[in-house]
Amino acid sequence: MTRLDLLVEAEKALSPIFSGIDARVKQNLKKILDAFRNHRLGVHHFAGVSGYGHDDLGRETLDKVFAEVMGAEAAAVRIQFVSGTHAIACALYGILRPGDEMLAVAGAPYDTLEEVIGLRGEGQGSLRDFGITYRQLELTPEGAIDWEALETAIRPQTRLVSIQRSCGYSWRNSLSLEEISQIVKIVKSQNPNTVCFVDNCYGEFIETQEPTAVGVDLMAGSLIKNPGGTIAPTGGYVAGKAEYVEAAACRLTAPGVGSSGGATLEQNRLLFQGLFLAPQMVGEAMKGNHLTAYVFDRLGYPVNPLPFEPRRDVIQAIRFGDPDKLIAFCRSVQQHSPVGSYLDPVPAAMPGYESELVMAGGTFIDGSTSEFSADGPLREPYIGFCQGGTHWTHVAIALEAFING
């Protein structure tokens, strides 16, 4: 069998999985269409306002649509969130107060949250600087939630439990909605007042429900990832119980302003349209992940998730074990990107990250990774993390180039 035949084999083997993904896309798209209909979305909602952003009908309607789609009491969808990390930080600062404890239950947080928490950096106004303590439950040796430890983990001062849905830069399974639901039940059984918060980045529309639909109090994510459908120009969101959404919005703007402020600057149409496109884009990314896993598994590389395992986010990890192989793969992805194909990915420092990163992502929205992208920290065991993919066929083209190169 030639390496090109491997792609043909992969496409045939994965055909039933692709069909199942299409069915899920249909369910998620129906939710969005129902929400648009319920809130009578029209072209008048696409106009934006300037200045303070008072009485922005489009923004207010988008918040209501987003809350319905996410199964939440309320949502705040804002272009003023500069990233998913910013939205998460606003949620944490909005809820936590001096003397409170934040408990992470899925191991170490994503690199960009380390300075928010205070695990790295000094004097930047981290949670630690404000007297908020942090603790984390390590994963089991198999990379799973330590359920036994979780059963007795909540202390009187544990105000917030942080649940990172995606694997981040770690070799573990991302969390399923069922696992998130179970975490919430265990936490609430120990203290019903402890806030359950989910970092939902890369997880939206993977399943037919979101964490807020299974008991999570608050979640946050980026609009330039899944829910922006590759066309949202910037922004993020928080969704969940109304009081916690408003607390996060007050951190974004100011107490007394909260969710009533924030000019949309003529971006409403793109945010609505991006949401409409999101389920299809996520479905294509999931197909691309299955294809990537199948090909690299057959080439002898460890992959996570495995080729036929259900997807829990839009990230596929490949353990290269060699920095040159990781860089070569990123180079192949970059050369077949729609934007910046002529660029050569080289390892470099990145704000918010501890290690140097090599990144490939010729995306139309800077940093979105929603078109097929790959990156990884330059540290052992040199894992590449593939993200996004608006067409699984685009992923196939990049894979073909790599395996034949």
Protein backbone atom coordinates (compact mmCIF):
# COMPACT_ATOMS: atom_id res chain seq x y z
CA MET A 1 0.00 0.00 0.00
CA THR A 2 1.31 3.44 -0.92
CA ARG A 3 0.97 6.30 1.48
CA LEU A 4 -1.57 7.90 -0.84
CA ASP A 5 -3.68 4.74 -0.61
CA LEU A 6 -3.71 5.27 3.15
CA LEU A 7 -5.87 8.37 2.76
CA VAL A 8 -8.32 6.52 0.53
CA GLU A 9 -8.51 3.72 3.09
CA ALA A 10 -9.07 6.23 5.87
CA GLU A 11 -11.93 7.95 4.06
CA LYS A 12 -13.72 4.64 3.49
CA ALA A 13 -13.20 3.41 7.05
CA LEU A 14 -14.46 6.66 8.55
CA SER A 15 -17.52 7.04 6.34
CA PRO A 16 -20.00 5.84 9.04
CA ILE A 17 -18.48 8.24 11.56
CA PHE A 18 -18.74 11.12 9.09
CA SER A 19 -22.43 10.32 8.63
CA GLY A 20 -23.01 10.42 12.38
CA ILE A 21 -21.28 13.79 12.63
CA ASP A 22 -23.57 15.16 9.90
CA ALA A 23 -26.60 14.08 11.93
CA ARG A 24 -25.27 15.96 14.96
CA VAL A 25 -24.61 19.05 12.85
CA LYS A 26 -28.26 18.97 11.79
CA GLN A 27 -29.44 18.85 15.41
CA ASN A 28 -27.25 21.76 16.46
CA LEU A 29 -28.20 23.82 13.43
CA LYS A 30 -31.89 23.25 14.20
CA LYS A 31 -31.33 24.64 17.72
CA ILE A 32 -29.84 27.79 16.24
CA LEU A 33 -32.58 28.20 13.64
CA ASP A 34 -35.21 27.73 16.35
CA ALA A 35 -33.56 30.41 18.49
CA PHE A 36 -33.37 32.83 15.53
CA ARG A 37 -37.06 32.22 14.88
CA ASN A 38 -38.07 32.53 18.52
CA HIS A 39 -36.37 35.91 18.81
CA ARG A 40 -37.58 37.10 15.39
CA LEU A 41 -34.12 37.77 13.98
CA GLY A 42 -34.27 40.30 11.15
CA VAL A 43 -31.93 42.54 9.20
CA HIS A 44 -32.62 45.37 11.65
CA HIS A 45 -30.63 43.41 14.24
CA PHE A 46 -27.48 43.74 12.13
CA ALA A 47 -27.09 47.46 12.75
CA GLY A 48 -24.63 48.38 15.46
CA VAL A 49 -24.18 51.35 17.74
CA SER A 50 -21.15 53.37 18.78
CA GLY A 51 -20.07 55.10 21.96
CA TYR A 52 -21.34 53.54 25.16
CA GLY A 53 -23.34 50.90 23.32
CA HIS A 54 -26.62 51.67 25.05
CA ASP A 55 -29.83 50.11 23.70
CA ASP A 56 -28.13 47.96 21.09
CA LEU A 57 -31.05 45.82 19.90
CA GLY A 58 -28.82 43.46 17.92
CA ARG A 59 -26.47 42.83 20.84
CA GLU A 60 -29.34 42.28 23.25
CA THR A 61 -31.00 39.85 20.85
CA LEU A 62 -27.75 37.98 20.25
CA ASP A 63 -27.35 37.54 24.01
CA LYS A 64 -30.84 36.01 24.19
CA VAL A 65 -30.26 33.79 21.15
CA PHE A 66 -26.93 32.60 22.51
CA ALA A 67 -28.42 31.85 25.92
CA GLU A 68 -31.19 29.76 24.35
CA VAL A 69 -28.78 27.83 22.13
CA MET A 70 -26.48 27.15 25.07
CA GLY A 71 -29.27 26.14 27.45
CA ALA A 72 -28.43 29.01 29.81
CA GLU A 73 -30.38 31.63 31.74
CA ALA A 74 -28.32 34.43 30.23
CA ALA A 75 -25.32 35.17 28.05
CA ALA A 76 -23.06 38.10 27.25
CA VAL A 77 -21.51 37.94 23.78
CA ARG A 78 -19.02 40.78 23.34
CA ILE A 79 -16.38 41.90 20.89
CA GLN A 80 -14.71 43.62 23.87
CA PHE A 81 -13.48 40.23 25.07
CA VAL A 82 -10.10 40.06 23.36
CA SER A 83 -9.81 36.27 23.70
CA GLY A 84 -11.20 33.22 25.40
CA THR A 85 -8.62 33.74 28.16
CA HIS A 86 -9.99 37.25 28.71
CA ALA A 87 -13.57 35.96 28.95
CA ILE A 88 -12.47 33.27 31.41
CA ALA A 89 -10.52 35.80 33.47
CA CYS A 90 -13.56 38.10 33.67
CA ALA A 91 -15.65 35.18 34.88
CA LEU A 92 -13.10 34.26 37.57
CA TYR A 93 -12.56 37.83 38.77
CA GLY A 94 -16.30 38.45 38.69
CA ILE A 95 -17.05 35.58 41.08
CA LEU A 96 -13.99 35.15 43.30
CA ARG A 97 -13.18 37.41 46.26
CA PRO A 98 -10.22 37.63 48.69
CA GLY A 99 -10.12 34.56 50.89
CA ASP A 100 -11.88 32.36 48.33
CA GLU A 101 -10.34 29.25 46.86
CA MET A 102 -10.39 28.19 43.22
CA LEU A 103 -10.11 24.45 42.66
CA ALA A 104 -9.17 23.02 39.25
CA VAL A 105 -10.41 19.44 38.99
CA ALA A 106 -8.87 18.39 35.67
CA GLY A 107 -5.18 18.84 36.37
CA ALA A 108 -3.07 21.81 35.33
CA PRO A 109 -4.81 24.68 33.53
CA TYR A 110 -4.09 25.81 29.99
CA ASP A 111 -0.83 27.75 29.78
CA THR A 112 -2.48 31.16 29.24
CA LEU A 113 -4.34 30.90 32.56
CA GLU A 114 -1.22 30.38 34.66
CA GLU A 115 -0.51 34.10 34.93
CA VAL A 116 -4.20 34.87 35.54
CA ILE A 117 -4.16 32.50 38.51
CA GLY A 118 -0.71 33.60 39.69
CA LEU A 119 1.24 30.41 39.01
CA ARG A 120 3.66 32.47 36.90
CA GLY A 121 4.48 36.16 36.83
CA GLU A 122 4.59 38.79 39.55
CA GLY A 123 2.74 42.02 40.20
CA GLN A 124 0.27 41.78 37.34
CA GLY A 125 -2.88 41.67 39.44
CA SER A 126 -3.34 37.92 39.35
CA LEU A 127 -5.94 36.14 41.47
CA ARG A 128 -3.15 35.27 43.86
CA ASP A 129 -2.27 38.97 44.20
CA PHE A 130 -5.82 39.54 45.42
CA GLY A 131 -5.63 36.85 48.08
CA ILE A 132 -7.42 34.13 46.16
CA THR A 133 -5.87 30.72 46.68
CA TYR A 134 -5.56 27.99 44.09
CA ARG A 135 -5.50 24.23 44.30
CA GLN A 136 -5.71 21.52 41.66
CA LEU A 137 -6.57 17.85 41.59
CA GLU A 138 -4.06 15.93 39.54
CA LEU A 139 -5.28 13.51 36.93
CA THR A 140 -4.85 9.77 37.40
CA PRO A 141 -1.85 8.10 35.71
CA GLU A 142 -4.26 7.22 32.88
CA GLY A 143 -5.07 10.90 32.37
CA ALA A 144 -8.59 10.73 33.81
CA ILE A 145 -10.44 12.67 36.52
CA ASP A 146 -9.56 11.40 39.99
CA TRP A 147 -13.13 10.71 41.04
CA GLU A 148 -12.18 9.38 44.45
CA ALA A 149 -10.23 12.54 45.31
CA LEU A 150 -13.06 14.72 43.99
CA GLU A 151 -15.53 13.13 46.41
CA THR A 152 -13.87 14.90 49.37
CA ALA A 153 -12.17 17.83 47.61
CA ILE A 154 -14.55 20.69 48.39
CA ARG A 155 -13.59 22.84 51.38
CA PRO A 156 -15.67 25.60 53.04
CA GLN A 157 -13.60 28.25 51.23
CA THR A 158 -13.87 26.55 47.81
CA ARG A 159 -15.95 29.19 46.05
CA LEU A 160 -15.35 28.02 42.49
CA VAL A 161 -14.51 24.75 40.78
CA SER A 162 -12.83 25.17 37.41
CA ILE A 163 -13.43 22.49 34.78
CA GLN A 164 -11.31 22.70 31.64
CA ARG A 165 -13.24 20.83 28.98
CA SER A 166 -10.48 20.63 26.39
CA CYS A 167 -7.16 18.86 26.85
CA GLY A 168 -5.14 22.04 26.33
CA TYR A 169 -1.44 21.26 25.93
CA SER A 170 -1.70 17.99 27.82
CA TRP A 171 -1.92 14.34 26.81
CA ARG A 172 -5.32 13.55 28.24
CA ASN A 173 -8.81 12.95 26.97
CA SER A 174 -10.92 16.04 26.79
CA LEU A 175 -14.00 15.85 28.99
CA SER A 176 -17.32 14.55 27.77
CA LEU A 177 -20.57 16.25 28.69
CA GLU A 178 -21.43 13.20 30.80
CA GLU A 179 -18.20 13.60 32.80
CA ILE A 180 -18.84 17.31 33.31
CA SER A 181 -22.34 16.54 34.55
CA GLN A 182 -20.93 14.01 37.01
CA ILE A 183 -18.35 16.52 38.30
CA VAL A 184 -21.13 19.03 38.96
CA LYS A 185 -23.21 16.47 40.87
CA ILE A 186 -20.28 15.50 43.09
CA VAL A 187 -19.31 19.11 43.80
CA LYS A 188 -22.86 20.24 44.53
CA SER A 189 -23.41 17.29 46.87
CA GLN A 190 -20.57 18.63 49.03
CA ASN A 191 -21.49 22.32 48.78
CA PRO A 192 -24.41 23.50 46.65
CA ASN A 193 -23.06 27.08 46.79
CA THR A 194 -19.76 26.25 45.09
CA VAL A 195 -19.83 27.67 41.58
CA CYS A 196 -19.08 25.17 38.81
CA PHE A 197 -17.30 26.95 35.96
CA VAL A 198 -16.32 25.46 32.60
CA ASP A 199 -13.67 26.66 30.19
CA ASN A 200 -15.64 25.70 27.08
CA CYS A 201 -13.06 26.71 24.45
CA TYR A 202 -12.92 24.26 21.53
CA GLY A 203 -15.93 22.35 22.88
CA GLU A 204 -18.96 24.20 21.51
CA PHE A 205 -21.30 22.17 19.25
CA ILE A 206 -19.31 18.97 19.64
CA GLU A 207 -22.35 17.43 21.30
CA THR A 208 -26.00 18.43 21.07
CA GLN A 209 -25.97 20.11 24.49
CA GLU A 210 -23.55 22.45 26.23
CA PRO A 211 -22.29 22.31 29.85
CA THR A 212 -24.82 24.90 31.02
CA ALA A 213 -27.58 22.48 30.01
CA VAL A 214 -26.32 19.86 32.50
CA GLY A 215 -25.97 21.96 35.63
CA VAL A 216 -22.85 24.10 35.09
CA ASP A 217 -23.29 27.56 36.63
CA LEU A 218 -21.13 29.51 34.20
CA MET A 219 -18.96 28.89 31.17
CA ALA A 220 -16.86 31.00 28.85
CA GLY A 221 -15.18 30.74 25.48
CA SER A 222 -13.83 32.52 22.43
CA LEU A 223 -15.84 33.72 19.44
CA ILE A 224 -12.91 33.22 17.08
CA LYS A 225 -12.97 29.49 17.82
CA ASN A 226 -16.03 27.25 17.39
CA PRO A 227 -19.01 29.59 17.89
CA GLY A 228 -17.70 32.25 15.49
CA GLY A 229 -17.91 29.98 12.47
CA THR A 230 -14.56 31.40 11.17
CA ILE A 231 -16.06 34.84 10.44
CA ALA A 232 -16.52 36.48 13.86
CA PRO A 233 -13.74 39.10 13.80
CA THR A 234 -12.99 39.01 17.54
CA GLY A 235 -14.68 38.51 20.88
CA GLY A 236 -15.77 36.01 23.47
CA TYR A 237 -18.75 35.03 25.55
CA VAL A 238 -19.94 34.03 28.99
CA ALA A 239 -23.13 32.06 29.52
CA GLY A 240 -24.88 30.54 32.50
CA LYS A 241 -26.90 31.72 35.48
CA ALA A 242 -27.91 35.36 35.10
CA GLU A 243 -26.23 36.57 38.30
CA TYR A 244 -22.88 35.08 37.32
CA VAL A 245 -23.06 36.33 33.74
CA GLU A 246 -23.71 39.82 35.10
CA ALA A 247 -20.81 39.52 37.54
CA ALA A 248 -18.47 38.65 34.67
CA ALA A 249 -19.87 41.49 32.57
CA CYS A 250 -19.25 43.93 35.43
CA ARG A 251 -15.62 42.86 35.41
CA LEU A 252 -15.44 43.41 31.64
CA THR A 253 -17.00 46.90 31.85
CA ALA A 254 -17.66 48.33 35.32
CA PRO A 255 -20.04 47.83 38.23
CA GLY A 256 -23.24 49.63 37.35
CA VAL A 257 -22.58 49.17 33.63
CA GLY A 258 -22.31 45.40 33.37
CA SER A 259 -23.98 43.84 30.35
CA SER A 260 -25.77 47.05 29.30
CA GLY A 261 -22.60 48.52 27.78
CA GLY A 262 -20.26 47.69 24.93
CA ALA A 263 -20.68 49.07 21.42
CA THR A 264 -20.86 46.43 18.70
CA LEU A 265 -19.46 48.74 15.99
CA GLU A 266 -21.41 47.20 13.09
CA GLN A 267 -20.25 43.65 13.89
CA ASN A 268 -23.63 42.14 14.79
CA ARG A 269 -24.23 40.55 11.39
CA LEU A 270 -20.93 38.69 11.49
CA LEU A 271 -21.63 37.40 14.99
CA PHE A 272 -25.09 36.13 14.04
CA GLN A 273 -23.82 34.67 10.78
CA GLY A 274 -20.84 33.06 12.48
CA LEU A 275 -23.15 31.37 14.96
CA PHE A 276 -25.27 30.10 12.06
CA LEU A 277 -22.19 28.61 10.37
CA ALA A 278 -20.64 27.22 13.56
CA PRO A 279 -22.18 23.71 13.68
CA GLN A 280 -21.08 22.93 10.12
CA MET A 281 -17.55 24.22 10.72
CA VAL A 282 -17.26 22.19 13.92
CA GLY A 283 -18.53 19.09 12.14
CA GLU A 284 -15.91 19.45 9.41
CA ALA A 285 -13.19 19.94 12.02
CA MET A 286 -14.29 16.76 13.78
CA LYS A 287 -14.09 14.83 10.51
CA GLY A 288 -10.61 16.23 9.91
CA ASN A 289 -9.57 15.11 13.40
CA HIS A 290 -10.74 11.55 12.77
CA LEU A 291 -8.86 11.54 9.46
CA THR A 292 -5.67 12.90 11.04
CA ALA A 293 -5.83 10.36 13.85
CA TYR A 294 -6.37 7.48 11.44
CA VAL A 295 -3.45 8.42 9.19
CA PHE A 296 -0.91 9.07 11.95
CA ASP A 297 -2.00 6.00 13.88
CA ARG A 298 -1.31 3.89 10.80
CA LEU A 299 2.05 5.63 10.39
CA GLY A 300 3.01 4.50 13.90
CA TYR A 301 2.59 7.72 15.89
CA PRO A 302 0.68 7.77 19.19
CA VAL A 303 -2.50 9.83 18.77
CA ASN A 304 -5.10 11.13 21.20
CA PRO A 305 -8.02 10.64 20.72
CA LEU A 306 -7.73 7.36 18.83
CA PRO A 307 -9.15 7.24 15.27
CA PHE A 308 -12.56 5.80 16.11
CA GLU A 309 -13.09 7.39 19.52
CA PRO A 310 -15.89 9.96 19.90
CA ARG A 311 -14.72 13.57 19.68
CA ARG A 312 -15.03 15.85 22.70
CA ASP A 313 -13.50 18.98 21.16
CA VAL A 314 -11.88 20.06 17.89
CA ILE A 315 -8.33 19.17 18.95
CA GLN A 316 -6.32 16.16 17.79
CA ALA A 317 -2.99 15.42 19.45
CA ILE A 318 -0.07 13.62 17.78
CA ARG A 319 3.01 12.63 19.75
CA PHE A 320 5.99 13.13 17.43
CA GLY A 321 8.72 12.54 20.02
CA ASP A 322 11.07 14.70 17.97
CA PRO A 323 11.13 18.51 17.62
CA ASP A 324 12.13 18.33 13.95
CA LYS A 325 9.14 16.14 13.09
CA LEU A 326 6.78 18.48 14.94
CA ILE A 327 8.20 21.47 13.06
CA ALA A 328 8.02 19.60 9.74
CA PHE A 329 4.36 18.81 10.26
CA CYS A 330 3.56 22.42 11.14
CA ARG A 331 5.45 23.50 8.03
CA SER A 332 3.30 21.22 5.88
CA VAL A 333 0.10 22.63 7.40
CA GLN A 334 1.31 26.21 6.87
CA GLN A 335 2.22 25.55 3.25
CA HIS A 336 -1.35 24.41 2.61
CA SER A 337 -3.05 27.20 4.54
CA PRO A 338 -5.27 29.70 2.70
CA VAL A 339 -3.39 32.67 4.18
CA GLY A 340 0.39 32.99 4.57
CA SER A 341 1.27 29.74 2.82
CA TYR A 342 4.69 31.21 2.01
CA LEU A 343 5.61 31.59 5.69
CA ASP A 344 7.89 29.14 7.49
CA PRO A 345 6.84 28.29 11.07
CA VAL A 346 9.72 28.66 13.50
CA PRO A 347 9.69 28.17 17.28
CA ALA A 348 9.21 31.42 19.18
CA ALA A 349 8.08 32.80 22.51
CA MET A 350 4.38 33.64 22.75
CA PRO A 351 2.74 35.94 25.33
CA GLY A 352 1.04 33.88 28.04
CA TYR A 353 2.88 30.62 27.28
CA GLU A 354 5.73 29.13 29.28
CA SER A 355 7.53 27.30 26.46
CA GLU A 356 8.43 28.35 22.96
CA LEU A 357 5.73 27.40 20.46
CA VAL A 358 5.76 26.42 16.84
CA MET A 359 2.50 27.39 15.19
CA ALA A 360 0.98 26.89 11.76
CA GLY A 361 -2.25 28.68 11.09
CA GLY A 362 -2.90 30.67 7.97
CA THR A 363 -6.33 31.80 9.13
CA PHE A 364 -8.49 34.65 7.89
CA ILE A 365 -9.02 35.81 11.48
CA ASP A 366 -5.67 36.25 13.19
CA GLY A 367 -5.07 33.55 15.79
CA SER A 368 -8.43 31.83 15.32
CA THR A 369 -7.02 28.37 14.43
CA SER A 370 -10.47 27.66 12.96
CA GLU A 371 -9.15 26.85 9.52
CA PHE A 372 -6.90 23.79 9.73
CA SER A 373 -4.08 24.69 12.11
CA ALA A 374 -1.39 22.96 14.12
CA ASP A 375 0.85 24.01 16.95
CA GLY A 376 2.75 22.68 19.91
CA PRO A 377 5.14 23.66 22.68
CA LEU A 378 8.81 22.88 22.11
CA ARG A 379 9.11 20.54 25.04
CA GLU A 380 9.14 16.78 25.39
CA PRO A 381 7.43 14.66 24.18
CA TYR A 382 6.92 17.15 21.32
CA ILE A 383 3.19 16.84 20.80
CA GLY A 384 1.46 18.53 17.90
CA PHE A 385 -2.09 19.76 18.49
CA CYS A 386 -4.25 20.02 15.38
CA GLN A 387 -7.25 22.31 15.55
CA GLY A 388 -10.07 23.42 13.32
CA GLY A 389 -10.69 22.66 9.68
CA THR A 390 -13.53 24.26 7.74
CA HIS A 391 -13.43 21.43 5.19
CA TRP A 392 -12.22 17.94 6.03
CA THR A 393 -10.94 17.81 2.44
CA HIS A 394 -8.55 20.67 3.32
CA VAL A 395 -7.17 18.51 6.11
CA ALA A 396 -6.78 15.64 3.64
CA ILE A 397 -4.75 17.84 1.28
CA ALA A 398 -2.35 18.88 4.06
CA LEU A 399 -1.99 15.29 5.27
CA GLU A 400 -1.27 14.06 1.76
CA ALA A 401 1.52 16.61 1.42
CA PHE A 402 3.08 15.61 4.73
CA ILE A 403 3.05 11.85 4.21
CA ASN A 404 4.41 12.20 0.68
CA GLY A 405 7.01 14.79 1.64
